[in-house]
C-alpha atoms as a PDB file:
ATOM      1  CA  UNK A   1       0.000   0.000   0.000  1.00  0.00           C
ATOM      2  CA  UNK A   2       2.763   2.339   0.925  1.00  0.00           C
ATOM      3  CA  UNK A   3       4.494   1.579  -2.329  1.00  0.00           C
ATOM      4  CA  UNK A   4       1.315   2.441  -4.273  1.00  0.00           C
ATOM      5  CA  UNK A   5       1.008   5.839  -2.602  1.00  0.00           C
ATOM      6  CA  UNK A   6       4.591   6.712  -3.358  1.00  0.00           C
ATOM      7  CA  UNK A   7       4.207   5.627  -6.986  1.00  0.00           C
ATOM      8  CA  UNK A   8       1.040   7.787  -7.360  1.00  0.00           C
ATOM      9  CA  UNK A   9       2.795  10.831  -5.958  1.00  0.00           C
ATOM     10  CA  UNK A  10       5.608  10.500  -8.485  1.00  0.00           C
ATOM     11  CA  UNK A  11       3.063  10.115 -11.278  1.00  0.00           C
ATOM     12  CA  UNK A  12       1.240  13.323 -10.302  1.00  0.00           C
ATOM     13  CA  UNK A  13       4.525  15.214 -10.042  1.00  0.00           C
ATOM     14  CA  UNK A  14       5.499  14.123 -13.520  1.00  0.00           C
ATOM     15  CA  UNK A  15       2.102  15.026 -15.024  1.00  0.00           C
ATOM     16  CA  UNK A  16       1.884  18.493 -13.350  1.00  0.00           C
ATOM     17  CA  UNK A  17       3.677  20.528 -16.118  1.00  0.00           C
ATOM     18  CA  UNK A  18       1.613  18.854 -18.815  1.00  0.00           C
ATOM     19  CA  UNK A  19      -1.666  19.649 -17.052  1.00  0.00           C
ATOM     20  CA  UNK A  20      -0.568  23.248 -16.369  1.00  0.00           C
ATOM     21  CA  UNK A  21       0.122  23.768 -20.079  1.00  0.00           C
ATOM     22  CA  UNK A  22      -3.480  22.788 -20.892  1.00  0.00           C
ATOM     23  CA  UNK A  23      -5.057  25.206 -18.386  1.00  0.00           C
ATOM     24  CA  UNK A  24      -6.416  28.567 -19.684  1.00  0.00           C
ATOM     25  CA  UNK A  25      -4.260  31.647 -18.925  1.00  0.00           C
ATOM     26  CA  UNK A  26      -4.942  33.217 -15.552  1.00  0.00           C
ATOM     27  CA  UNK A  27      -4.214  36.927 -16.640  1.00  0.00           C
ATOM     28  CA  UNK A  28      -5.701  39.211 -19.390  1.00  0.00           C
ATOM     29  CA  UNK A  29      -3.444  40.436 -22.211  1.00  0.00           C
ATOM     30  CA  UNK A  30      -2.368  44.095 -21.946  1.00  0.00           C
ATOM     31  CA  UNK A  31      -4.744  46.596 -23.630  1.00  0.00           C
ATOM     32  CA  UNK A  32      -3.771  47.968 -27.030  1.00  0.00           C
ATOM     33  CA  UNK A  33      -1.938  51.312 -26.931  1.00  0.00           C
ATOM     34  CA  UNK A  34      -4.155  54.446 -27.096  1.00  0.00           C
ATOM     35  CA  UNK A  35      -4.076  56.668 -30.131  1.00  0.00           C
ATOM     36  CA  UNK A  36      -2.514  60.068 -29.346  1.00  0.00           C
ATOM     37  CA  UNK A  37      -5.028  62.866 -28.637  1.00  0.00           C
ATOM     38  CA  UNK A  38      -5.722  65.178 -31.580  1.00  0.00           C
ATOM     39  CA  UNK A  39      -4.050  68.626 -31.317  1.00  0.00           C
ATOM     40  CA  UNK A  40      -6.531  71.479 -31.075  1.00  0.00           C
ATOM     41  CA  UNK A  41      -4.826  74.848 -31.649  1.00  0.00           C
ATOM     42  CA  UNK A  42      -5.768  77.651 -29.243  1.00  0.00           C
ATOM     43  CA  UNK A  43      -7.196  80.669 -31.069  1.00  0.00           C
ATOM     44  CA  UNK A  44      -5.425  83.931 -30.248  1.00  0.00           C
ATOM     45  CA  UNK A  45      -7.529  86.449 -28.300  1.00  0.00           C
ATOM     46  CA  UNK A  46      -9.475  88.997 -30.365  1.00  0.00           C
ATOM     47  CA  UNK A  47      -8.352  92.608 -29.844  1.00  0.00           C
ATOM     48  CA  UNK A  48     -10.651  94.614 -27.568  1.00  0.00           C
ATOM     49  CA  UNK A  49     -11.316  98.157 -28.845  1.00  0.00           C
ATOM     50  CA  UNK A  50     -13.559  99.148 -25.956  1.00  0.00           C
ATOM     51  CA  UNK A  51     -12.402 101.744 -23.448  1.00  0.00           C
ATOM     52  CA  UNK A  52     -11.674 105.390 -22.760  1.00  0.00           C
ATOM     53  CA  UNK A  53      -8.616 106.881 -24.457  1.00  0.00           C
ATOM     54  CA  UNK A  54      -6.554 110.043 -24.722  1.00  0.00           C
ATOM     55  CA  UNK A  55      -3.947 110.930 -27.318  1.00  0.00           C
ATOM     56  CA  UNK A  56      -2.190 113.397 -29.565  1.00  0.00           C
ATOM     57  CA  UNK A  57      -2.682 114.229 -33.228  1.00  0.00           C
ATOM     58  CA  UNK A  58      -0.996 116.276 -35.909  1.00  0.00           C
ATOM     59  CA  UNK A  59      -1.328 116.909 -39.601  1.00  0.00           C
ATOM     60  CA  UNK A  60      -1.995 119.376 -42.372  1.00  0.00           C
ATOM     61  CA  UNK A  61      -5.034 121.299 -43.564  1.00  0.00           C
ATOM     62  CA  UNK A  62      -5.778 122.680 -47.009  1.00  0.00           C
ATOM     63  CA  UNK A  63      -8.897 124.338 -48.368  1.00  0.00           C
ATOM     64  CA  UNK A  64     -10.366 127.620 -49.544  1.00  0.00           C
ATOM     65  CA  UNK A  65     -11.853 130.923 -48.382  1.00  0.00           C
ATOM     66  CA  UNK A  66     -13.989 133.533 -50.070  1.00  0.00           C
ATOM     67  CA  UNK A  67     -14.870 137.126 -49.231  1.00  0.00           C
ATOM     68  CA  UNK A  68     -18.269 138.541 -50.272  1.00  0.00           C
ATOM     69  CA  UNK A  69     -17.745 142.304 -50.374  1.00  0.00           C
ATOM     70  CA  UNK A  70     -20.571 144.865 -50.475  1.00  0.00           C
ATOM     71  CA  UNK A  71     -21.097 147.347 -53.275  1.00  0.00           C
ATOM     72  CA  UNK A  72     -19.502 150.174 -51.278  1.00  0.00           C
ATOM     73  CA  UNK A  73     -16.107 148.462 -51.533  1.00  0.00           C
ATOM     74  CA  UNK A  74     -16.339 147.110 -55.078  1.00  0.00           C
ATOM     75  CA  UNK A  75     -15.784 148.994 -58.319  1.00  0.00           C
ATOM     76  CA  UNK A  76     -18.930 150.143 -60.068  1.00  0.00           C
ATOM     77  CA  UNK A  77     -20.990 150.028 -56.894  1.00  0.00           C
ATOM     78  CA  UNK A  78     -21.878 146.336 -57.374  1.00  0.00           C
ATOM     79  CA  UNK A  79     -21.380 143.625 -54.749  1.00  0.00           C
ATOM     80  CA  UNK A  80     -18.433 141.410 -55.628  1.00  0.00           C
ATOM     81  CA  UNK A  81     -16.297 138.536 -54.403  1.00  0.00           C
ATOM     82  CA  UNK A  82     -12.613 137.748 -54.093  1.00  0.00           C
ATOM     83  CA  UNK A  83     -13.301 134.328 -55.550  1.00  0.00           C
ATOM     84  CA  UNK A  84     -12.072 131.250 -53.681  1.00  0.00           C
ATOM     85  CA  UNK A  85      -8.404 131.513 -52.750  1.00  0.00           C
ATOM     86  CA  UNK A  86      -6.338 128.727 -51.219  1.00  0.00           C
ATOM     87  CA  UNK A  87      -5.615 128.363 -47.512  1.00  0.00           C
ATOM     88  CA  UNK A  88      -3.288 125.770 -45.961  1.00  0.00           C
ATOM     89  CA  UNK A  89      -1.065 125.021 -42.983  1.00  0.00           C
ATOM     90  CA  UNK A  90      -0.211 122.623 -40.134  1.00  0.00           C
ATOM     91  CA  UNK A  91      -2.190 121.761 -37.016  1.00  0.00           C
ATOM     92  CA  UNK A  92      -1.549 119.703 -33.874  1.00  0.00           C
ATOM     93  CA  UNK A  93      -3.289 119.007 -30.600  1.00  0.00           C
ATOM     94  CA  UNK A  94      -4.920 116.568 -28.169  1.00  0.00           C
ATOM     95  CA  UNK A  95      -7.570 113.870 -28.619  1.00  0.00           C
ATOM     96  CA  UNK A  96      -9.998 112.174 -26.207  1.00  0.00           C
ATOM     97  CA  UNK A  97     -12.724 109.592 -26.729  1.00  0.00           C
ATOM     98  CA  UNK A  98     -14.459 106.353 -25.787  1.00  0.00           C
ATOM     99  CA  UNK A  99     -15.222 103.162 -27.748  1.00  0.00           C
ATOM    100  CA  UNK A 100     -17.840 100.449 -27.272  1.00  0.00           C
ATOM    101  CA  UNK A 101     -17.499  97.120 -29.087  1.00  0.00           C
ATOM    102  CA  UNK A 102     -20.095  94.522 -30.072  1.00  0.00           C
ATOM    103  CA  UNK A 103     -18.566  91.679 -32.056  1.00  0.00           C
ATOM    104  CA  UNK A 104     -16.786  93.219 -35.017  1.00  0.00           C
ATOM    105  CA  UNK A 105     -18.638  96.527 -34.711  1.00  0.00           C
ATOM    106  CA  UNK A 106     -17.150  99.450 -32.825  1.00  0.00           C
ATOM    107  CA  UNK A 107     -19.076 102.593 -31.844  1.00  0.00           C
ATOM    108  CA  UNK A 108     -17.829 105.628 -30.010  1.00  0.00           C
ATOM    109  CA  UNK A 109     -17.431 109.348 -29.601  1.00  0.00           C
ATOM    110  CA  UNK A 110     -14.271 111.386 -30.140  1.00  0.00           C
ATOM    111  CA  UNK A 111     -13.253 114.988 -29.619  1.00  0.00           C
ATOM    112  CA  UNK A 112     -10.119 116.997 -30.259  1.00  0.00           C
ATOM    113  CA  UNK A 113      -8.728 120.487 -29.868  1.00  0.00           C
ATOM    114  CA  UNK A 114      -5.910 121.681 -32.121  1.00  0.00           C
ATOM    115  CA  UNK A 115      -3.651 124.652 -32.512  1.00  0.00           C
ATOM    116  CA  UNK A 116      -3.828 125.602 -36.184  1.00  0.00           C
ATOM    117  CA  UNK A 117      -1.949 127.777 -38.636  1.00  0.00           C
ATOM    118  CA  UNK A 118      -4.194 127.331 -41.669  1.00  0.00           C
ATOM    119  CA  UNK A 119      -3.960 130.588 -43.584  1.00  0.00           C
ATOM    120  CA  UNK A 120      -3.989 132.088 -47.078  1.00  0.00           C
ATOM    121  CA  UNK A 121      -4.651 135.260 -49.015  1.00  0.00           C
ATOM    122  CA  UNK A 122      -6.053 136.465 -52.302  1.00  0.00           C
ATOM    123  CA  UNK A 123      -3.396 137.000 -54.934  1.00  0.00           C
ATOM    124  CA  UNK A 124      -1.683 140.366 -55.219  1.00  0.00           C
ATOM    125  CA  UNK A 125      -3.289 140.752 -58.661  1.00  0.00           C
ATOM    126  CA  UNK A 126      -6.838 140.252 -57.385  1.00  0.00           C
ATOM    127  CA  UNK A 127      -8.789 143.288 -58.555  1.00  0.00           C
ATOM    128  CA  UNK A 128     -11.346 142.991 -55.726  1.00  0.00           C
ATOM    129  CA  UNK A 129      -9.131 142.694 -52.660  1.00  0.00           C
ATOM    130  CA  UNK A 130      -5.383 142.365 -53.071  1.00  0.00           C
ATOM    131  CA  UNK A 131      -3.843 140.169 -50.335  1.00  0.00           C
ATOM    132  CA  UNK A 132      -7.082 139.894 -48.316  1.00  0.00           C
ATOM    133  CA  UNK A 133      -6.161 137.214 -45.764  1.00  0.00           C
ATOM    134  CA  UNK A 134      -8.108 134.495 -43.944  1.00  0.00           C
ATOM    135  CA  UNK A 135      -6.510 132.523 -41.112  1.00  0.00           C
ATOM    136  CA  UNK A 136      -7.472 129.961 -38.497  1.00  0.00           C
ATOM    137  CA  UNK A 137      -5.485 129.594 -35.249  1.00  0.00           C
ATOM    138  CA  UNK A 138      -7.534 126.940 -33.423  1.00  0.00           C
ATOM    139  CA  UNK A 139      -9.900 124.184 -34.459  1.00  0.00           C
ATOM    140  CA  UNK A 140     -11.955 121.667 -32.445  1.00  0.00           C
ATOM    141  CA  UNK A 141     -14.337 118.828 -33.337  1.00  0.00           C
ATOM    142  CA  UNK A 142     -16.746 116.545 -31.463  1.00  0.00           C
ATOM    143  CA  UNK A 143     -17.791 113.540 -33.528  1.00  0.00           C
ATOM    144  CA  UNK A 144     -19.515 110.165 -33.469  1.00  0.00           C
ATOM    145  CA  UNK A 145     -17.488 107.217 -34.809  1.00  0.00           C
ATOM    146  CA  UNK A 146     -18.613 103.827 -36.097  1.00  0.00           C
ATOM    147  CA  UNK A 147     -16.593 101.130 -37.784  1.00  0.00           C
ATOM    148  CA  UNK A 148     -15.726  97.503 -38.358  1.00  0.00           C
ATOM    149  CA  UNK A 149     -12.754  95.799 -36.685  1.00  0.00           C
ATOM    150  CA  UNK A 150     -10.665  92.922 -37.963  1.00  0.00           C
ATOM    151  CA  UNK A 151      -8.775  92.037 -34.795  1.00  0.00           C
ATOM    152  CA  UNK A 152      -6.216  94.880 -34.452  1.00  0.00           C
ATOM    153  CA  UNK A 153      -7.378  96.836 -37.529  1.00  0.00           C
ATOM    154  CA  UNK A 154     -10.322  99.257 -37.326  1.00  0.00           C
ATOM    155  CA  UNK A 155     -11.855 100.986 -40.348  1.00  0.00           C
ATOM    156  CA  UNK A 156     -14.253 103.753 -39.330  1.00  0.00           C
ATOM    157  CA  UNK A 157     -16.419 106.655 -40.506  1.00  0.00           C
ATOM    158  CA  UNK A 158     -16.978 109.769 -38.420  1.00  0.00           C
ATOM    159  CA  UNK A 159     -19.156 112.903 -38.427  1.00  0.00           C
ATOM    160  CA  UNK A 160     -20.188 115.656 -36.048  1.00  0.00           C
ATOM    161  CA  UNK A 161     -19.733 119.297 -35.151  1.00  0.00           C
ATOM    162  CA  UNK A 162     -16.734 121.593 -35.555  1.00  0.00           C
ATOM    163  CA  UNK A 163     -15.721 124.984 -34.243  1.00  0.00           C
ATOM    164  CA  UNK A 164     -12.808 127.312 -34.763  1.00  0.00           C
ATOM    165  CA  UNK A 165     -11.562 130.829 -35.176  1.00  0.00           C
ATOM    166  CA  UNK A 166     -11.773 132.777 -38.416  1.00  0.00           C
ATOM    167  CA  UNK A 167      -9.595 135.843 -38.641  1.00  0.00           C
ATOM    168  CA  UNK A 168     -10.031 138.172 -41.610  1.00  0.00           C
ATOM    169  CA  UNK A 169      -7.492 140.865 -42.447  1.00  0.00           C
ATOM    170  CA  UNK A 170      -8.123 143.669 -44.929  1.00  0.00           C
ATOM    171  CA  UNK A 171      -4.766 145.034 -46.120  1.00  0.00           C
ATOM    172  CA  UNK A 172      -4.045 148.751 -46.076  1.00  0.00           C
ATOM    173  CA  UNK A 173      -3.454 148.641 -49.838  1.00  0.00           C
ATOM    174  CA  UNK A 174      -7.163 147.960 -50.317  1.00  0.00           C
ATOM    175  CA  UNK A 175      -8.594 150.254 -47.631  1.00  0.00           C
ATOM    176  CA  UNK A 176      -6.037 152.329 -45.692  1.00  0.00           C
ATOM    177  CA  UNK A 177      -5.091 151.872 -42.887  1.00  0.00           C
ATOM    178  CA  UNK A 178      -6.435 148.318 -43.134  1.00  0.00           C
ATOM    179  CA  UNK A 179      -8.666 146.375 -40.756  1.00  0.00           C
ATOM    180  CA  UNK A 180      -8.733 143.021 -38.988  1.00  0.00           C
ATOM    181  CA  UNK A 181     -11.331 141.110 -36.967  1.00  0.00           C
ATOM    182  CA  UNK A 182     -11.648 137.617 -35.533  1.00  0.00           C
ATOM    183  CA  UNK A 183     -14.652 135.497 -34.551  1.00  0.00           C
ATOM    184  CA  UNK A 184     -15.446 131.992 -33.320  1.00  0.00           C
ATOM    185  CA  UNK A 185     -17.599 130.062 -35.773  1.00  0.00           C
ATOM    186  CA  UNK A 186     -19.272 126.648 -35.721  1.00  0.00           C
ATOM    187  CA  UNK A 187     -20.098 124.175 -38.464  1.00  0.00           C
ATOM    188  CA  UNK A 188     -19.847 120.494 -39.315  1.00  0.00           C
ATOM    189  CA  UNK A 189     -17.250 117.876 -40.153  1.00  0.00           C
ATOM    190  CA  UNK A 190     -17.202 114.364 -41.654  1.00  0.00           C
ATOM    191  CA  UNK A 191     -14.553 111.886 -42.718  1.00  0.00           C
ATOM    192  CA  UNK A 192     -13.045 108.429 -42.323  1.00  0.00           C
ATOM    193  CA  UNK A 193      -9.977 106.778 -40.870  1.00  0.00           C
ATOM    194  CA  UNK A 194      -7.919 103.660 -40.264  1.00  0.00           C
ATOM    195  CA  UNK A 195      -6.684 102.711 -36.775  1.00  0.00           C
ATOM    196  CA  UNK A 196      -4.289  99.948 -35.694  1.00  0.00           C
ATOM    197  CA  UNK A 197      -3.793  98.401 -32.249  1.00  0.00           C
ATOM    198  CA  UNK A 198      -0.042  98.424 -31.563  1.00  0.00           C
ATOM    199  CA  UNK A 199      -0.409  96.992 -28.043  1.00  0.00           C
ATOM    200  CA  UNK A 200      -3.396  96.285 -25.806  1.00  0.00           C
ATOM    201  CA  UNK A 201      -3.336  99.943 -24.700  1.00  0.00           C
ATOM    202  CA  UNK A 202      -1.705 101.868 -27.570  1.00  0.00           C
ATOM    203  CA  UNK A 203      -3.259 102.542 -30.982  1.00  0.00           C
ATOM    204  CA  UNK A 204      -2.160 104.576 -34.011  1.00  0.00           C
ATOM    205  CA  UNK A 205      -4.429 106.101 -36.639  1.00  0.00           C
ATOM    206  CA  UNK A 206      -4.551 108.129 -39.825  1.00  0.00           C
ATOM    207  CA  UNK A 207      -7.707 109.992 -40.829  1.00  0.00           C
ATOM    208  CA  UNK A 208      -9.255 112.473 -43.226  1.00  0.00           C
ATOM    209  CA  UNK A 209     -11.774 115.138 -42.149  1.00  0.00           C
ATOM    210  CA  UNK A 210     -13.641 117.747 -44.158  1.00  0.00           C
ATOM    211  CA  UNK A 211     -14.495 120.853 -42.098  1.00  0.00           C
ATOM    212  CA  UNK A 212     -17.003 123.532 -43.071  1.00  0.00           C
ATOM    213  CA  UNK A 213     -17.407 126.447 -40.635  1.00  0.00           C
ATOM    214  CA  UNK A 214     -20.146 129.018 -40.836  1.00  0.00           C
ATOM    215  CA  UNK A 215     -19.058 132.298 -42.377  1.00  0.00           C
ATOM    216  CA  UNK A 216     -16.868 134.492 -40.281  1.00  0.00           C
ATOM    217  CA  UNK A 217     -16.867 138.210 -40.890  1.00  0.00           C
ATOM    218  CA  UNK A 218     -14.705 141.291 -41.175  1.00  0.00           C
ATOM    219  CA  UNK A 219     -15.961 144.451 -39.518  1.00  0.00           C
ATOM    220  CA  UNK A 220     -14.552 147.436 -41.320  1.00  0.00           C
ATOM    221  CA  UNK A 221     -15.255 150.823 -39.654  1.00  0.00           C
ATOM    222  CA  UNK A 222     -16.148 153.969 -41.535  1.00  0.00           C
ATOM    223  CA  UNK A 223     -12.704 155.380 -40.739  1.00  0.00           C
ATOM    224  CA  UNK A 224     -11.191 152.655 -42.917  1.00  0.00           C
ATOM    225  CA  UNK A 225     -13.882 151.837 -45.433  1.00  0.00           C
ATOM    226  CA  UNK A 226     -16.082 154.479 -47.061  1.00  0.00           C
ATOM    227  CA  UNK A 227     -18.916 153.310 -44.820  1.00  0.00           C
ATOM    228  CA  UNK A 228     -18.948 150.829 -41.946  1.00  0.00           C
ATOM    229  CA  UNK A 229     -19.339 147.355 -43.459  1.00  0.00           C
ATOM    230  CA  UNK A 230     -19.415 143.702 -42.410  1.00  0.00           C
ATOM    231  CA  UNK A 231     -17.849 141.312 -44.909  1.00  0.00           C
ATOM    232  CA  UNK A 232     -18.831 137.580 -44.802  1.00  0.00           C
ATOM    233  CA  UNK A 233     -15.714 135.361 -44.951  1.00  0.00           C
ATOM    234  CA  UNK A 234     -16.043 131.611 -45.674  1.00  0.00           C
ATOM    235  CA  UNK A 235     -13.751 128.830 -44.435  1.00  0.00           C
ATOM    236  CA  UNK A 236     -13.657 125.208 -45.647  1.00  0.00           C
ATOM    237  CA  UNK A 237     -10.727 122.841 -45.150  1.00  0.00           C
ATOM    238  CA  UNK A 238      -9.646 119.246 -45.639  1.00  0.00           C
ATOM    239  CA  UNK A 239      -7.559 117.806 -42.797  1.00  0.00           C
ATOM    240  CA  UNK A 240      -5.175 114.860 -43.054  1.00  0.00           C
ATOM    241  CA  UNK A 241      -4.007 113.842 -39.587  1.00  0.00           C
ATOM    242  CA  UNK A 242      -2.107 111.069 -37.828  1.00  0.00           C
ATOM    243  CA  UNK A 243      -2.618 110.263 -34.172  1.00  0.00           C
ATOM    244  CA  UNK A 244      -1.370 108.131 -31.286  1.00  0.00           C
ATOM    245  CA  UNK A 245      -3.800 107.126 -28.507  1.00  0.00           C
ATOM    246  CA  UNK A 246      -3.436 105.501 -25.089  1.00  0.00           C
ATOM    247  CA  UNK A 247      -6.433 103.329 -24.194  1.00  0.00           C
ATOM    248  CA  UNK A 248      -7.325 102.620 -20.555  1.00  0.00           C
ATOM    249  CA  UNK A 249      -8.882  99.369 -19.326  1.00  0.00           C
ATOM    250  CA  UNK A 250     -11.466  98.156 -21.877  1.00  0.00           C
ATOM    251  CA  UNK A 251     -15.192  98.156 -21.127  1.00  0.00           C
END
């Protein structure tokens, strides 16, 4: 009996590897490797045009002026005109404004006040008023702006009111000893511009404005002219300006 037990034990020991080979595996195969995640690029932030800003501007103005003289000054006793003569000169000053943005659309209000040296005179051969001079030494506008933005680029239109000085000078050669008078006149302005965001807070622009002020006037006393007269003096100008603005925190 003892011999049988020992023989059975040896038989089981010899058959163990064979039986183990026939058993199913006790662990799962490793999962297949994952495909790498798709790369989704991050869109750059869209430029924000909203906010209050201040700045400086400078440029050049060119246009025309015309004097409508009464019959008492003109030859033949008939009212006459100097015709339109050219005026031009530089201007520079300060700008302030505020923008509001909705999607691509930008709306706002802008004002500026400029020192100006836009001046000109009728030619020395003008038979009506030789060297009659019109000049402007300050100019201000307050305008609405609206435009479309493409990220850092803003294309806009603008229109509103304008005001400035009109100084008229009658030379002594026309009516000795000459006369001069200055007045503040108001009118309108309209134009368009292109602005670029240099940084989040600094923008640069170039713009065109057409300015039409109500007629100024020259008051010529009887001691200078034959009789006391008031001469209407027109002023229209085209402005081409560049500007640099600093924008505070956006709305």
